[in-house]
């Protein structure tokens, strides 16, 4: 099978089930953004030693992102028996990891500037890409039904990469750069 098909030369792409849509369709924008997230998670994994404590869990996140993209690339009218909702454990696994990270680094009560180390900054890049994907997911959800498990997983995922960034700085002994110009403390996330 060749990598190129020429079927997308006119600006259309195929969804699971055979439907063809414009390449800038909100559904394609949404799962394409999570494809970017997955690529950056892969980059993060290459920056970590192969025996790093995060490797296995980041691998699991990449698998869940692939499952998420599969769900998003399948319109309801083409739903197949092998396209199932994400398990609730996807979001719960993120929550457990966040709790572990915050137990070690402490809770965050301030807005923080991204940076400190390459790994911490990359975690923030991933966090912002997940947030962009989440905004697209909300837009797509206005047009079509999306399983609640996808929303939960994606919302937790951005929080997780924030927590990973903080954990990286803590383990490197680097102080977080708090935004001192703001007079208020960070209120709950989203």
C-alpha atoms as a PDB file:
ATOM      1  CA  UNK A   1       0.000   0.000   0.000  1.00  0.00           C
ATOM      2  CA  UNK A   2       1.406   3.387  -0.978  1.00  0.00           C
ATOM      3  CA  UNK A   3       1.597   6.255   1.508  1.00  0.00           C
ATOM      4  CA  UNK A   4       0.020   8.616  -1.007  1.00  0.00           C
ATOM      5  CA  UNK A   5      -3.436   8.072  -2.473  1.00  0.00           C
ATOM      6  CA  UNK A   6      -4.007  11.322  -4.394  1.00  0.00           C
ATOM      7  CA  UNK A   7      -7.576  11.316  -3.057  1.00  0.00           C
ATOM      8  CA  UNK A   8      -6.860  14.376  -0.922  1.00  0.00           C
ATOM      9  CA  UNK A   9      -5.444  16.508  -3.710  1.00  0.00           C
ATOM     10  CA  UNK A  10      -8.717  18.413  -4.018  1.00  0.00           C
ATOM     11  CA  UNK A  11      -8.817  19.391  -0.343  1.00  0.00           C
ATOM     12  CA  UNK A  12     -11.002  16.534   0.879  1.00  0.00           C
ATOM     13  CA  UNK A  13     -10.210  13.716   3.287  1.00  0.00           C
ATOM     14  CA  UNK A  14     -11.956  10.521   4.295  1.00  0.00           C
ATOM     15  CA  UNK A  15     -13.525   9.761   7.657  1.00  0.00           C
ATOM     16  CA  UNK A  16     -14.104   6.313   9.107  1.00  0.00           C
ATOM     17  CA  UNK A  17     -17.192   4.976   7.399  1.00  0.00           C
ATOM     18  CA  UNK A  18     -16.258   6.433   4.006  1.00  0.00           C
ATOM     19  CA  UNK A  19     -17.659   9.972   4.180  1.00  0.00           C
ATOM     20  CA  UNK A  20     -15.447  12.638   2.600  1.00  0.00           C
ATOM     21  CA  UNK A  21     -15.192  16.113   4.093  1.00  0.00           C
ATOM     22  CA  UNK A  22     -13.124  19.242   3.576  1.00  0.00           C
ATOM     23  CA  UNK A  23      -9.711  19.086   5.214  1.00  0.00           C
ATOM     24  CA  UNK A  24     -10.588  22.172   7.264  1.00  0.00           C
ATOM     25  CA  UNK A  25     -13.800  20.579   8.586  1.00  0.00           C
ATOM     26  CA  UNK A  26     -14.119  21.058  12.353  1.00  0.00           C
ATOM     27  CA  UNK A  27     -13.969  17.286  12.880  1.00  0.00           C
ATOM     28  CA  UNK A  28     -10.664  17.090  10.992  1.00  0.00           C
ATOM     29  CA  UNK A  29      -9.308  20.182  12.782  1.00  0.00           C
ATOM     30  CA  UNK A  30     -10.198  18.580  16.095  1.00  0.00           C
ATOM     31  CA  UNK A  31      -8.610  15.166  15.608  1.00  0.00           C
ATOM     32  CA  UNK A  32      -5.721  16.797  13.738  1.00  0.00           C
ATOM     33  CA  UNK A  33      -4.941  18.899  16.796  1.00  0.00           C
ATOM     34  CA  UNK A  34      -4.835  15.784  18.960  1.00  0.00           C
ATOM     35  CA  UNK A  35      -2.514  14.247  16.370  1.00  0.00           C
ATOM     36  CA  UNK A  36      -0.198  17.231  16.998  1.00  0.00           C
ATOM     37  CA  UNK A  37      -0.508  16.623  20.738  1.00  0.00           C
ATOM     38  CA  UNK A  38       0.435  12.983  20.252  1.00  0.00           C
ATOM     39  CA  UNK A  39       3.467  13.937  18.167  1.00  0.00           C
ATOM     40  CA  UNK A  40       4.668  16.318  20.873  1.00  0.00           C
ATOM     41  CA  UNK A  41       4.129  13.662  23.547  1.00  0.00           C
ATOM     42  CA  UNK A  42       6.339  11.442  21.394  1.00  0.00           C
ATOM     43  CA  UNK A  43       8.938  14.205  21.280  1.00  0.00           C
ATOM     44  CA  UNK A  44       8.743  14.545  25.060  1.00  0.00           C
ATOM     45  CA  UNK A  45       9.370  10.809  25.397  1.00  0.00           C
ATOM     46  CA  UNK A  46      12.494  11.086  23.239  1.00  0.00           C
ATOM     47  CA  UNK A  47      13.834  13.801  25.552  1.00  0.00           C
ATOM     48  CA  UNK A  48      13.479  11.515  28.586  1.00  0.00           C
ATOM     49  CA  UNK A  49      15.761   8.579  29.389  1.00  0.00           C
ATOM     50  CA  UNK A  50      14.225   5.277  28.266  1.00  0.00           C
ATOM     51  CA  UNK A  51      13.925   4.166  31.899  1.00  0.00           C
ATOM     52  CA  UNK A  52      12.340   7.435  33.097  1.00  0.00           C
ATOM     53  CA  UNK A  53       9.352   6.972  35.403  1.00  0.00           C
ATOM     54  CA  UNK A  54       7.057   8.827  32.991  1.00  0.00           C
ATOM     55  CA  UNK A  55       7.742   6.662  29.926  1.00  0.00           C
ATOM     56  CA  UNK A  56       5.087   3.987  30.474  1.00  0.00           C
ATOM     57  CA  UNK A  57       2.370   6.406  31.408  1.00  0.00           C
ATOM     58  CA  UNK A  58       3.152   8.733  28.501  1.00  0.00           C
ATOM     59  CA  UNK A  59       2.978   5.706  26.197  1.00  0.00           C
ATOM     60  CA  UNK A  60      -0.481   4.911  27.616  1.00  0.00           C
ATOM     61  CA  UNK A  61      -1.547   8.513  26.982  1.00  0.00           C
ATOM     62  CA  UNK A  62      -0.415   8.209  23.368  1.00  0.00           C
ATOM     63  CA  UNK A  63      -2.585   5.101  22.980  1.00  0.00           C
ATOM     64  CA  UNK A  64      -5.584   6.923  24.481  1.00  0.00           C
ATOM     65  CA  UNK A  65      -4.952   9.855  22.143  1.00  0.00           C
ATOM     66  CA  UNK A  66      -5.020   7.447  19.193  1.00  0.00           C
ATOM     67  CA  UNK A  67      -8.318   6.036  20.493  1.00  0.00           C
ATOM     68  CA  UNK A  68      -9.645   9.587  20.892  1.00  0.00           C
ATOM     69  CA  UNK A  69      -8.688  10.466  17.318  1.00  0.00           C
ATOM     70  CA  UNK A  70     -10.395   7.290  16.089  1.00  0.00           C
ATOM     71  CA  UNK A  71     -13.583   8.265  17.897  1.00  0.00           C
ATOM     72  CA  UNK A  72     -13.460  11.793  16.517  1.00  0.00           C
ATOM     73  CA  UNK A  73     -12.820  10.563  12.955  1.00  0.00           C
ATOM     74  CA  UNK A  74     -15.951   8.410  13.098  1.00  0.00           C
ATOM     75  CA  UNK A  75     -19.198  10.314  12.536  1.00  0.00           C
ATOM     76  CA  UNK A  76     -22.221   8.973  14.454  1.00  0.00           C
ATOM     77  CA  UNK A  77     -23.822   7.653  11.263  1.00  0.00           C
ATOM     78  CA  UNK A  78     -20.729   5.512  10.653  1.00  0.00           C
ATOM     79  CA  UNK A  79     -20.217   4.299  14.212  1.00  0.00           C
ATOM     80  CA  UNK A  80     -18.801   0.819  14.175  1.00  0.00           C
ATOM     81  CA  UNK A  81     -18.914  -1.845  16.820  1.00  0.00           C
ATOM     82  CA  UNK A  82     -15.146  -1.551  17.317  1.00  0.00           C
ATOM     83  CA  UNK A  83     -15.340   2.199  17.985  1.00  0.00           C
ATOM     84  CA  UNK A  84     -16.144   2.329  21.666  1.00  0.00           C
ATOM     85  CA  UNK A  85     -16.160   5.219  24.136  1.00  0.00           C
ATOM     86  CA  UNK A  86     -12.958   5.834  26.013  1.00  0.00           C
ATOM     87  CA  UNK A  87     -13.027   4.086  29.341  1.00  0.00           C
ATOM     88  CA  UNK A  88     -13.613   6.318  32.361  1.00  0.00           C
ATOM     89  CA  UNK A  89     -10.195   5.103  33.491  1.00  0.00           C
ATOM     90  CA  UNK A  90      -8.537   7.361  30.911  1.00  0.00           C
ATOM     91  CA  UNK A  91      -9.522  10.495  32.844  1.00  0.00           C
ATOM     92  CA  UNK A  92      -9.175   8.752  36.199  1.00  0.00           C
ATOM     93  CA  UNK A  93      -5.635   7.656  35.361  1.00  0.00           C
ATOM     94  CA  UNK A  94      -4.740  11.284  34.642  1.00  0.00           C
ATOM     95  CA  UNK A  95      -6.312  12.317  37.965  1.00  0.00           C
ATOM     96  CA  UNK A  96      -4.317   9.723  39.909  1.00  0.00           C
ATOM     97  CA  UNK A  97      -1.100  10.850  38.268  1.00  0.00           C
ATOM     98  CA  UNK A  98      -1.885  14.520  38.942  1.00  0.00           C
ATOM     99  CA  UNK A  99      -2.535  13.689  42.591  1.00  0.00           C
ATOM    100  CA  UNK A 100       0.825  11.895  42.836  1.00  0.00           C
ATOM    101  CA  UNK A 101       2.641  14.810  41.185  1.00  0.00           C
ATOM    102  CA  UNK A 102       0.979  17.413  43.407  1.00  0.00           C
ATOM    103  CA  UNK A 103       1.759  15.349  46.500  1.00  0.00           C
ATOM    104  CA  UNK A 104       5.429  15.613  45.540  1.00  0.00           C
ATOM    105  CA  UNK A 105       5.547  19.197  44.199  1.00  0.00           C
ATOM    106  CA  UNK A 106       2.716  20.724  46.214  1.00  0.00           C
ATOM    107  CA  UNK A 107      -0.433  22.379  44.865  1.00  0.00           C
ATOM    108  CA  UNK A 108      -0.212  25.329  42.513  1.00  0.00           C
ATOM    109  CA  UNK A 109      -1.883  28.531  43.605  1.00  0.00           C
ATOM    110  CA  UNK A 110      -0.348  30.970  41.128  1.00  0.00           C
ATOM    111  CA  UNK A 111      -0.152  31.619  37.424  1.00  0.00           C
ATOM    112  CA  UNK A 112       3.229  30.397  36.230  1.00  0.00           C
ATOM    113  CA  UNK A 113       5.477  31.353  33.352  1.00  0.00           C
ATOM    114  CA  UNK A 114       6.340  28.371  31.152  1.00  0.00           C
ATOM    115  CA  UNK A 115      10.026  27.486  31.098  1.00  0.00           C
ATOM    116  CA  UNK A 116      12.736  26.471  33.510  1.00  0.00           C
ATOM    117  CA  UNK A 117      13.908  23.368  31.683  1.00  0.00           C
ATOM    118  CA  UNK A 118      13.375  22.050  28.178  1.00  0.00           C
ATOM    119  CA  UNK A 119      11.165  19.240  29.542  1.00  0.00           C
ATOM    120  CA  UNK A 120       9.046  21.639  31.627  1.00  0.00           C
ATOM    121  CA  UNK A 121       8.626  24.011  28.685  1.00  0.00           C
ATOM    122  CA  UNK A 122       7.688  21.125  26.381  1.00  0.00           C
ATOM    123  CA  UNK A 123       5.038  20.015  28.884  1.00  0.00           C
ATOM    124  CA  UNK A 124       3.567  23.520  28.667  1.00  0.00           C
ATOM    125  CA  UNK A 125       3.576  23.368  24.854  1.00  0.00           C
ATOM    126  CA  UNK A 126       1.633  20.107  25.068  1.00  0.00           C
ATOM    127  CA  UNK A 127      -0.738  21.628  27.651  1.00  0.00           C
ATOM    128  CA  UNK A 128      -1.557  24.530  25.328  1.00  0.00           C
ATOM    129  CA  UNK A 129      -2.082  22.236  22.332  1.00  0.00           C
ATOM    130  CA  UNK A 130      -4.462  20.110  24.398  1.00  0.00           C
ATOM    131  CA  UNK A 131      -6.379  23.265  25.375  1.00  0.00           C
ATOM    132  CA  UNK A 132      -6.651  24.268  21.701  1.00  0.00           C
ATOM    133  CA  UNK A 133      -7.927  20.788  20.911  1.00  0.00           C
ATOM    134  CA  UNK A 134     -10.406  21.064  23.747  1.00  0.00           C
ATOM    135  CA  UNK A 135     -11.794  24.319  22.316  1.00  0.00           C
ATOM    136  CA  UNK A 136     -12.247  22.599  18.957  1.00  0.00           C
ATOM    137  CA  UNK A 137     -13.831  19.625  20.698  1.00  0.00           C
ATOM    138  CA  UNK A 138     -16.413  21.913  22.291  1.00  0.00           C
ATOM    139  CA  UNK A 139     -17.202  23.404  18.873  1.00  0.00           C
ATOM    140  CA  UNK A 140     -17.513  19.934  17.352  1.00  0.00           C
ATOM    141  CA  UNK A 141     -19.738  18.901  20.252  1.00  0.00           C
ATOM    142  CA  UNK A 142     -22.222  21.595  19.264  1.00  0.00           C
ATOM    143  CA  UNK A 143     -22.606  19.909  15.878  1.00  0.00           C
ATOM    144  CA  UNK A 144     -22.537  16.250  16.776  1.00  0.00           C
ATOM    145  CA  UNK A 145     -22.711  13.913  19.729  1.00  0.00           C
ATOM    146  CA  UNK A 146     -19.386  13.200  21.415  1.00  0.00           C
ATOM    147  CA  UNK A 147     -19.092  10.756  24.265  1.00  0.00           C
ATOM    148  CA  UNK A 148     -18.560  12.470  27.617  1.00  0.00           C
ATOM    149  CA  UNK A 149     -15.495  10.284  28.231  1.00  0.00           C
ATOM    150  CA  UNK A 150     -13.619  12.197  25.520  1.00  0.00           C
ATOM    151  CA  UNK A 151     -14.349  15.560  27.153  1.00  0.00           C
ATOM    152  CA  UNK A 152     -13.251  14.278  30.570  1.00  0.00           C
ATOM    153  CA  UNK A 153     -10.018  12.743  29.281  1.00  0.00           C
ATOM    154  CA  UNK A 154      -9.008  15.844  27.322  1.00  0.00           C
ATOM    155  CA  UNK A 155      -9.808  18.196  30.192  1.00  0.00           C
ATOM    156  CA  UNK A 156      -7.690  16.144  32.601  1.00  0.00           C
ATOM    157  CA  UNK A 157      -4.902  15.815  30.054  1.00  0.00           C
ATOM    158  CA  UNK A 158      -4.159  19.536  29.972  1.00  0.00           C
ATOM    159  CA  UNK A 159      -4.117  19.616  33.769  1.00  0.00           C
ATOM    160  CA  UNK A 160      -1.750  16.651  33.758  1.00  0.00           C
ATOM    161  CA  UNK A 161       0.803  18.366  31.544  1.00  0.00           C
ATOM    162  CA  UNK A 162       0.683  21.427  33.780  1.00  0.00           C
ATOM    163  CA  UNK A 163       1.393  19.148  36.748  1.00  0.00           C
ATOM    164  CA  UNK A 164       4.168  17.356  34.836  1.00  0.00           C
ATOM    165  CA  UNK A 165       5.839  20.681  34.110  1.00  0.00           C
ATOM    166  CA  UNK A 166       5.767  21.595  37.782  1.00  0.00           C
ATOM    167  CA  UNK A 167       7.067  18.153  38.788  1.00  0.00           C
ATOM    168  CA  UNK A 168       9.951  18.501  36.344  1.00  0.00           C
ATOM    169  CA  UNK A 169      10.947  21.852  37.836  1.00  0.00           C
ATOM    170  CA  UNK A 170      10.657  20.483  41.349  1.00  0.00           C
ATOM    171  CA  UNK A 171      12.856  17.472  40.585  1.00  0.00           C
ATOM    172  CA  UNK A 172      15.402  19.738  38.861  1.00  0.00           C
ATOM    173  CA  UNK A 173      15.439  22.050  41.890  1.00  0.00           C
ATOM    174  CA  UNK A 174      14.329  25.016  39.790  1.00  0.00           C
ATOM    175  CA  UNK A 175      11.960  27.562  41.297  1.00  0.00           C
ATOM    176  CA  UNK A 176       8.748  28.214  39.390  1.00  0.00           C
ATOM    177  CA  UNK A 177       8.445  31.683  37.894  1.00  0.00           C
ATOM    178  CA  UNK A 178       5.244  33.031  39.364  1.00  0.00           C
ATOM    179  CA  UNK A 179       3.492  35.920  37.711  1.00  0.00           C
ATOM    180  CA  UNK A 180       4.040  38.566  40.314  1.00  0.00           C
ATOM    181  CA  UNK A 181       2.234  41.313  38.408  1.00  0.00           C
ATOM    182  CA  UNK A 182      -1.120  39.658  39.020  1.00  0.00           C
ATOM    183  CA  UNK A 183      -2.778  40.604  42.288  1.00  0.00           C
ATOM    184  CA  UNK A 184      -4.860  37.440  42.509  1.00  0.00           C
ATOM    185  CA  UNK A 185      -4.042  33.807  42.994  1.00  0.00           C
ATOM    186  CA  UNK A 186      -4.844  31.243  40.325  1.00  0.00           C
ATOM    187  CA  UNK A 187      -8.410  30.093  40.580  1.00  0.00           C
ATOM    188  CA  UNK A 188      -9.508  26.593  39.603  1.00  0.00           C
ATOM    189  CA  UNK A 189      -8.701  25.334  36.137  1.00  0.00           C
ATOM    190  CA  UNK A 190     -11.189  24.182  33.616  1.00  0.00           C
END
